Amino acid sequence: MKYNIVIVDDETELIKNLKYELEDINKTLHVTYYTSGYEALNAVLQGNVDLVLSDIAMPDLDGFELYSRIKEHDADIPVVLMTGFGYDPNHVVVRTKQSGPVDIIPKPFETDKLAVLLLKRLKERRHLADK
């Protein structure tokens, strides 16, 4: 069974490389990527998305807003956020954590560790769906 993951980041080379690395690490992952939060949201609204991995700082729709809109549509879709920012109490990371549980990973990260986290969240979602 394949898991459909959407990656969102305005850094095209980063997401292209991440797609190939994740799919190489685990053959059950099928990755689609977008450079726009709105495009990613549209993909989620159309269905068949199992998990979203999004950068927080994006020009059109930041990761916090994308997270919120995805959760409004389907609270069970896991959303993992990436950030290159350090701690700032007014930063969107804090706002997101106040909205509910969310995984936030700092850049740069090790792709194999990221894959473990993504698979864990995907299996948790699948387990909930089976109940």
N, C-alpha and C. Protein backbone atom coordinates (compact mmCIF):
# COMPACT_ATOMS: atom_id res chain seq x y z
N MET A 1 0.85 -1.18 0.00
CA MET A 1 0.00 0.00 0.00
C MET A 1 0.89 1.25 0.00
N LYS A 2 0.56 2.19 -0.82
CA LYS A 2 1.32 3.45 -0.93
C LYS A 2 0.68 4.51 -0.04
N TYR A 3 1.55 5.34 0.52
CA TYR A 3 1.13 6.52 1.26
C TYR A 3 1.38 7.74 0.39
N ASN A 4 0.39 8.59 0.26
CA ASN A 4 0.52 9.81 -0.53
C ASN A 4 0.88 10.99 0.36
N ILE A 5 2.08 11.50 0.15
CA ILE A 5 2.60 12.62 0.93
C ILE A 5 2.72 13.84 0.04
N VAL A 6 2.35 14.98 0.59
CA VAL A 6 2.53 16.26 -0.10
C VAL A 6 3.59 17.04 0.67
N ILE A 7 4.59 17.52 -0.07
CA ILE A 7 5.62 18.39 0.51
C ILE A 7 5.42 19.79 -0.05
N VAL A 8 5.49 20.79 0.83
CA VAL A 8 5.32 22.17 0.42
C VAL A 8 6.49 23.01 0.92
N ASP A 9 7.16 23.66 -0.01
CA ASP A 9 8.27 24.55 0.35
C ASP A 9 8.53 25.41 -0.87
N ASP A 10 8.92 26.66 -0.65
CA ASP A 10 9.20 27.53 -1.79
C ASP A 10 10.62 27.32 -2.33
N GLU A 11 11.38 26.41 -1.74
CA GLU A 11 12.72 26.06 -2.23
C GLU A 11 12.61 24.81 -3.11
N THR A 12 12.51 25.02 -4.41
CA THR A 12 12.24 23.93 -5.35
C THR A 12 13.28 22.81 -5.29
N GLU A 13 14.54 23.15 -5.26
CA GLU A 13 15.58 22.11 -5.23
C GLU A 13 15.49 21.26 -3.97
N LEU A 14 15.21 21.90 -2.85
CA LEU A 14 15.07 21.16 -1.60
C LEU A 14 13.96 20.13 -1.70
N ILE A 15 12.80 20.52 -2.19
CA ILE A 15 11.69 19.56 -2.21
C ILE A 15 11.86 18.49 -3.28
N LYS A 16 12.49 18.83 -4.39
CA LYS A 16 12.78 17.80 -5.40
C LYS A 16 13.70 16.74 -4.82
N ASN A 17 14.78 17.17 -4.17
CA ASN A 17 15.71 16.23 -3.56
C ASN A 17 15.05 15.42 -2.45
N LEU A 18 14.25 16.09 -1.64
CA LEU A 18 13.58 15.41 -0.54
C LEU A 18 12.62 14.35 -1.06
N LYS A 19 11.92 14.64 -2.13
CA LYS A 19 11.01 13.67 -2.75
C LYS A 19 11.78 12.39 -3.11
N TYR A 20 12.87 12.53 -3.82
CA TYR A 20 13.62 11.36 -4.27
C TYR A 20 14.25 10.61 -3.09
N GLU A 21 14.74 11.34 -2.11
CA GLU A 21 15.34 10.69 -0.94
C GLU A 21 14.30 9.90 -0.16
N LEU A 22 13.14 10.50 0.11
CA LEU A 22 12.10 9.80 0.87
C LEU A 22 11.59 8.57 0.12
N GLU A 23 11.37 8.72 -1.19
CA GLU A 23 10.89 7.58 -1.96
C GLU A 23 11.94 6.47 -2.05
N ASP A 24 13.21 6.85 -1.99
CA ASP A 24 14.28 5.86 -2.01
C ASP A 24 14.40 5.15 -0.67
N ILE A 25 14.20 5.89 0.43
CA ILE A 25 14.28 5.31 1.77
C ILE A 25 13.16 4.31 2.01
N ASN A 26 11.96 4.64 1.55
CA ASN A 26 10.82 3.76 1.77
C ASN A 26 9.94 3.73 0.53
N LYS A 27 9.84 2.59 -0.07
CA LYS A 27 9.11 2.43 -1.35
C LYS A 27 7.60 2.59 -1.21
N THR A 28 7.08 2.63 0.04
CA THR A 28 5.64 2.83 0.21
C THR A 28 5.25 4.31 0.15
N LEU A 29 6.26 5.19 0.08
CA LEU A 29 5.98 6.63 0.04
C LEU A 29 5.90 7.12 -1.40
N HIS A 30 4.80 7.78 -1.71
CA HIS A 30 4.64 8.46 -2.99
C HIS A 30 4.53 9.94 -2.69
N VAL A 31 5.51 10.71 -3.16
CA VAL A 31 5.61 12.13 -2.80
C VAL A 31 5.26 13.03 -3.98
N THR A 32 4.38 13.97 -3.71
CA THR A 32 4.07 15.05 -4.64
C THR A 32 4.52 16.34 -3.95
N TYR A 33 5.04 17.28 -4.73
CA TYR A 33 5.50 18.51 -4.09
C TYR A 33 4.94 19.74 -4.78
N TYR A 34 4.84 20.79 -3.99
CA TYR A 34 4.34 22.09 -4.45
C TYR A 34 5.20 23.19 -3.86
N THR A 35 5.29 24.29 -4.59
CA THR A 35 6.00 25.46 -4.08
C THR A 35 5.03 26.51 -3.54
N SER A 36 3.76 26.20 -3.53
CA SER A 36 2.73 27.12 -3.08
C SER A 36 1.82 26.42 -2.07
N GLY A 37 1.56 27.11 -0.96
CA GLY A 37 0.64 26.58 0.04
C GLY A 37 -0.76 26.40 -0.51
N TYR A 38 -1.18 27.30 -1.39
CA TYR A 38 -2.52 27.20 -1.97
C TYR A 38 -2.65 25.97 -2.87
N GLU A 39 -1.60 25.67 -3.64
CA GLU A 39 -1.63 24.47 -4.48
C GLU A 39 -1.70 23.21 -3.62
N ALA A 40 -0.95 23.19 -2.54
CA ALA A 40 -0.97 22.04 -1.64
C ALA A 40 -2.35 21.89 -0.99
N LEU A 41 -2.93 23.00 -0.56
CA LEU A 41 -4.26 22.95 0.04
C LEU A 41 -5.27 22.42 -0.96
N ASN A 42 -5.17 22.85 -2.19
CA ASN A 42 -6.07 22.36 -3.24
C ASN A 42 -5.94 20.84 -3.39
N ALA A 43 -4.72 20.33 -3.35
CA ALA A 43 -4.50 18.88 -3.46
C ALA A 43 -5.15 18.15 -2.28
N VAL A 44 -5.03 18.71 -1.09
CA VAL A 44 -5.65 18.11 0.09
C VAL A 44 -7.17 18.10 -0.05
N LEU A 45 -7.73 19.22 -0.51
CA LEU A 45 -9.18 19.32 -0.65
C LEU A 45 -9.72 18.36 -1.70
N GLN A 46 -8.90 18.04 -2.70
CA GLN A 46 -9.32 17.08 -3.73
C GLN A 46 -9.28 15.65 -3.23
N GLY A 47 -8.60 15.41 -2.13
CA GLY A 47 -8.57 14.08 -1.51
C GLY A 47 -7.32 13.30 -1.86
N ASN A 48 -7.22 12.13 -1.25
CA ASN A 48 -6.13 11.18 -1.49
C ASN A 48 -4.77 11.69 -1.03
N VAL A 49 -4.74 12.49 0.04
CA VAL A 49 -3.49 12.92 0.65
C VAL A 49 -3.47 12.34 2.06
N ASP A 50 -2.39 11.62 2.38
CA ASP A 50 -2.29 10.96 3.68
C ASP A 50 -1.52 11.78 4.71
N LEU A 51 -0.63 12.68 4.25
CA LEU A 51 0.19 13.47 5.15
C LEU A 51 0.72 14.67 4.40
N VAL A 52 0.88 15.79 5.12
CA VAL A 52 1.46 17.00 4.54
C VAL A 52 2.71 17.38 5.34
N LEU A 53 3.79 17.62 4.62
CA LEU A 53 5.04 18.12 5.18
C LEU A 53 5.24 19.51 4.59
N SER A 54 5.20 20.53 5.43
CA SER A 54 5.23 21.90 4.92
C SER A 54 6.25 22.76 5.64
N ASP A 55 6.88 23.62 4.87
CA ASP A 55 7.71 24.67 5.46
C ASP A 55 6.76 25.65 6.15
N ILE A 56 7.24 26.33 7.17
CA ILE A 56 6.41 27.32 7.85
C ILE A 56 6.45 28.65 7.11
N ALA A 57 7.63 29.10 6.73
CA ALA A 57 7.78 30.41 6.10
C ALA A 57 7.66 30.27 4.58
N MET A 58 6.50 30.67 4.08
CA MET A 58 6.26 30.67 2.63
C MET A 58 5.58 31.97 2.26
N PRO A 59 5.77 32.42 1.03
CA PRO A 59 5.26 33.74 0.66
C PRO A 59 3.74 33.84 0.52
N ASP A 60 3.06 32.79 0.08
CA ASP A 60 1.64 32.94 -0.21
C ASP A 60 0.72 32.49 0.92
N LEU A 61 1.02 31.37 1.53
CA LEU A 61 0.19 30.82 2.59
C LEU A 61 1.17 30.15 3.55
N ASP A 62 1.38 30.75 4.72
CA ASP A 62 2.39 30.18 5.61
C ASP A 62 1.95 28.83 6.17
N GLY A 63 2.90 28.12 6.74
CA GLY A 63 2.64 26.77 7.23
C GLY A 63 1.57 26.72 8.31
N PHE A 64 1.50 27.74 9.16
CA PHE A 64 0.48 27.77 10.20
C PHE A 64 -0.91 27.84 9.58
N GLU A 65 -1.09 28.73 8.63
CA GLU A 65 -2.40 28.86 7.98
C GLU A 65 -2.75 27.58 7.21
N LEU A 66 -1.78 27.01 6.53
CA LEU A 66 -2.02 25.75 5.82
C LEU A 66 -2.43 24.66 6.79
N TYR A 67 -1.70 24.55 7.90
CA TYR A 67 -2.03 23.58 8.96
C TYR A 67 -3.47 23.76 9.41
N SER A 68 -3.85 25.00 9.71
CA SER A 68 -5.20 25.29 10.20
C SER A 68 -6.27 24.90 9.18
N ARG A 69 -6.04 25.24 7.94
CA ARG A 69 -7.03 24.92 6.89
C ARG A 69 -7.15 23.42 6.64
N ILE A 70 -6.02 22.73 6.71
CA ILE A 70 -6.06 21.27 6.53
C ILE A 70 -6.85 20.65 7.68
N LYS A 71 -6.59 21.07 8.90
CA LYS A 71 -7.26 20.51 10.07
C LYS A 71 -8.76 20.82 10.05
N GLU A 72 -9.15 21.97 9.50
CA GLU A 72 -10.57 22.29 9.35
C GLU A 72 -11.23 21.33 8.37
N HIS A 73 -10.50 20.98 7.33
CA HIS A 73 -11.02 20.07 6.30
C HIS A 73 -11.06 18.63 6.81
N ASP A 74 -9.96 18.17 7.41
CA ASP A 74 -9.87 16.80 7.89
C ASP A 74 -8.86 16.77 9.04
N ALA A 75 -9.38 16.71 10.24
CA ALA A 75 -8.52 16.77 11.44
C ALA A 75 -7.58 15.58 11.55
N ASP A 76 -7.82 14.51 10.82
CA ASP A 76 -6.99 13.31 10.92
C ASP A 76 -5.77 13.31 10.01
N ILE A 77 -5.67 14.27 9.09
CA ILE A 77 -4.50 14.31 8.22
C ILE A 77 -3.32 14.84 9.03
N PRO A 78 -2.26 14.04 9.16
CA PRO A 78 -1.08 14.54 9.88
C PRO A 78 -0.40 15.65 9.09
N VAL A 79 0.03 16.68 9.82
CA VAL A 79 0.77 17.78 9.23
C VAL A 79 2.06 17.94 10.02
N VAL A 80 3.18 17.86 9.31
CA VAL A 80 4.49 18.05 9.92
C VAL A 80 5.05 19.33 9.33
N LEU A 81 5.52 20.22 10.21
CA LEU A 81 6.04 21.50 9.76
C LEU A 81 7.55 21.55 9.89
N MET A 82 8.18 22.20 8.91
CA MET A 82 9.63 22.40 8.90
C MET A 82 9.91 23.88 9.11
N THR A 83 10.99 24.18 9.81
CA THR A 83 11.36 25.58 9.98
C THR A 83 12.87 25.74 10.06
N GLY A 84 13.35 26.81 9.53
CA GLY A 84 14.75 27.15 9.63
C GLY A 84 14.98 28.22 10.69
N PHE A 85 13.90 28.61 11.40
CA PHE A 85 13.98 29.66 12.40
C PHE A 85 14.31 29.10 13.77
N GLY A 86 14.99 29.90 14.58
CA GLY A 86 15.22 29.56 15.98
C GLY A 86 13.99 29.91 16.79
N TYR A 87 14.10 29.79 18.07
CA TYR A 87 12.97 30.07 18.96
C TYR A 87 12.69 31.56 19.04
N ASP A 88 11.44 31.91 18.89
CA ASP A 88 10.96 33.27 19.03
C ASP A 88 9.53 33.16 19.56
N PRO A 89 9.22 33.68 20.74
CA PRO A 89 7.90 33.47 21.34
C PRO A 89 6.74 33.99 20.49
N ASN A 90 7.01 34.90 19.57
CA ASN A 90 5.94 35.40 18.71
C ASN A 90 5.90 34.69 17.38
N HIS A 91 6.79 33.76 17.21
CA HIS A 91 6.90 33.07 15.93
C HIS A 91 5.71 32.14 15.69
N VAL A 92 5.48 31.83 14.47
CA VAL A 92 4.37 30.99 14.07
C VAL A 92 4.45 29.59 14.69
N VAL A 93 5.64 29.13 15.06
CA VAL A 93 5.76 27.81 15.71
C VAL A 93 4.95 27.78 17.00
N VAL A 94 5.05 28.83 17.79
CA VAL A 94 4.31 28.89 19.04
C VAL A 94 2.82 28.93 18.76
N ARG A 95 2.41 29.72 17.78
CA ARG A 95 0.99 29.79 17.42
C ARG A 95 0.47 28.44 17.01
N THR A 96 1.25 27.70 16.24
CA THR A 96 0.83 26.39 15.78
C THR A 96 0.69 25.44 16.95
N LYS A 97 1.66 25.41 17.85
CA LYS A 97 1.60 24.50 19.00
C LYS A 97 0.39 24.83 19.88
N GLN A 98 0.00 26.09 19.94
CA GLN A 98 -1.16 26.46 20.73
C GLN A 98 -2.46 25.98 20.08
N SER A 99 -2.43 25.70 18.80
CA SER A 99 -3.61 25.26 18.08
C SER A 99 -3.85 23.76 18.22
N GLY A 100 -2.87 23.04 18.67
CA GLY A 100 -3.02 21.60 18.81
C GLY A 100 -1.70 20.91 18.58
N PRO A 101 -1.69 19.59 18.73
CA PRO A 101 -0.44 18.86 18.57
C PRO A 101 0.07 18.91 17.13
N VAL A 102 1.34 19.21 16.99
CA VAL A 102 1.94 19.28 15.66
C VAL A 102 3.43 18.96 15.80
N ASP A 103 3.95 18.26 14.82
CA ASP A 103 5.38 17.98 14.78
C ASP A 103 6.06 19.13 14.05
N ILE A 104 7.10 19.68 14.66
CA ILE A 104 7.88 20.74 14.03
C ILE A 104 9.32 20.30 14.02
N ILE A 105 9.90 20.23 12.83
CA ILE A 105 11.28 19.79 12.71
C ILE A 105 12.15 20.95 12.21
N PRO A 106 13.29 21.13 12.83
CA PRO A 106 14.19 22.22 12.40
C PRO A 106 15.00 21.81 11.18
N LYS A 107 15.25 22.77 10.31
CA LYS A 107 16.15 22.56 9.18
C LYS A 107 17.55 22.96 9.62
N PRO A 108 18.56 22.30 9.19
CA PRO A 108 18.54 21.09 8.36
C PRO A 108 18.23 19.86 9.21
N PHE A 109 17.77 18.81 8.58
CA PHE A 109 17.40 17.58 9.28
C PHE A 109 17.96 16.40 8.51
N GLU A 110 18.00 15.25 9.18
CA GLU A 110 18.43 14.03 8.54
C GLU A 110 17.22 13.36 7.91
N THR A 111 17.29 13.10 6.63
CA THR A 111 16.14 12.58 5.89
C THR A 111 15.67 11.24 6.43
N ASP A 112 16.60 10.37 6.85
CA ASP A 112 16.17 9.07 7.35
C ASP A 112 15.38 9.21 8.65
N LYS A 113 15.75 10.16 9.50
CA LYS A 113 14.99 10.40 10.73
C LYS A 113 13.63 11.01 10.42
N LEU A 114 13.59 11.88 9.43
CA LEU A 114 12.33 12.45 8.99
C LEU A 114 11.41 11.34 8.48
N ALA A 115 11.94 10.43 7.69
CA ALA A 115 11.15 9.32 7.15
C ALA A 115 10.55 8.48 8.27
N VAL A 116 11.31 8.24 9.33
CA VAL A 116 10.79 7.48 10.47
C VAL A 116 9.60 8.20 11.10
N LEU A 117 9.72 9.51 11.29
CA LEU A 117 8.62 10.30 11.86
C LEU A 117 7.39 10.26 10.96
N LEU A 118 7.60 10.46 9.65
CA LEU A 118 6.47 10.46 8.72
C LEU A 118 5.76 9.11 8.72
N LEU A 119 6.51 8.04 8.68
CA LEU A 119 5.90 6.70 8.69
C LEU A 119 5.15 6.44 9.99
N LYS A 120 5.69 6.91 11.09
CA LYS A 120 5.00 6.77 12.38
C LYS A 120 3.64 7.47 12.33
N ARG A 121 3.62 8.71 11.84
CA ARG A 121 2.36 9.47 11.76
C ARG A 121 1.37 8.82 10.76
N LEU A 122 1.89 8.30 9.67
CA LEU A 122 1.03 7.64 8.68
C LEU A 122 0.41 6.37 9.26
N LYS A 123 1.19 5.60 9.98
CA LYS A 123 0.68 4.36 10.59
C LYS A 123 -0.33 4.67 11.68
N GLU A 124 -0.10 5.73 12.44
CA GLU A 124 -1.07 6.14 13.46
C GLU A 124 -2.40 6.52 12.80
N ARG A 125 -2.32 7.23 11.71
CA ARG A 125 -3.53 7.62 10.99
C ARG A 125 -4.25 6.40 10.45
N ARG A 126 -3.52 5.49 9.86
CA ARG A 126 -4.11 4.27 9.31
C ARG A 126 -4.75 3.46 10.42
N HIS A 127 -4.11 3.39 11.58
CA HIS A 127 -4.65 2.66 12.72
C HIS A 127 -5.97 3.27 13.17
N LEU A 128 -6.04 4.61 13.20
CA LEU A 128 -7.30 5.28 13.57
C LEU A 128 -8.40 5.00 12.57
N ALA A 129 -8.05 4.95 11.31
CA ALA A 129 -9.03 4.70 10.25
C ALA A 129 -9.57 3.27 10.32
N ASP A 130 -8.76 2.35 10.82
CA ASP A 130 -9.18 0.96 10.90
C ASP A 130 -10.14 0.69 12.05
N LYS A 131 -10.23 1.62 12.98
CA LYS A 131 -11.12 1.42 14.16
C LYS A 131 -12.56 1.63 13.80
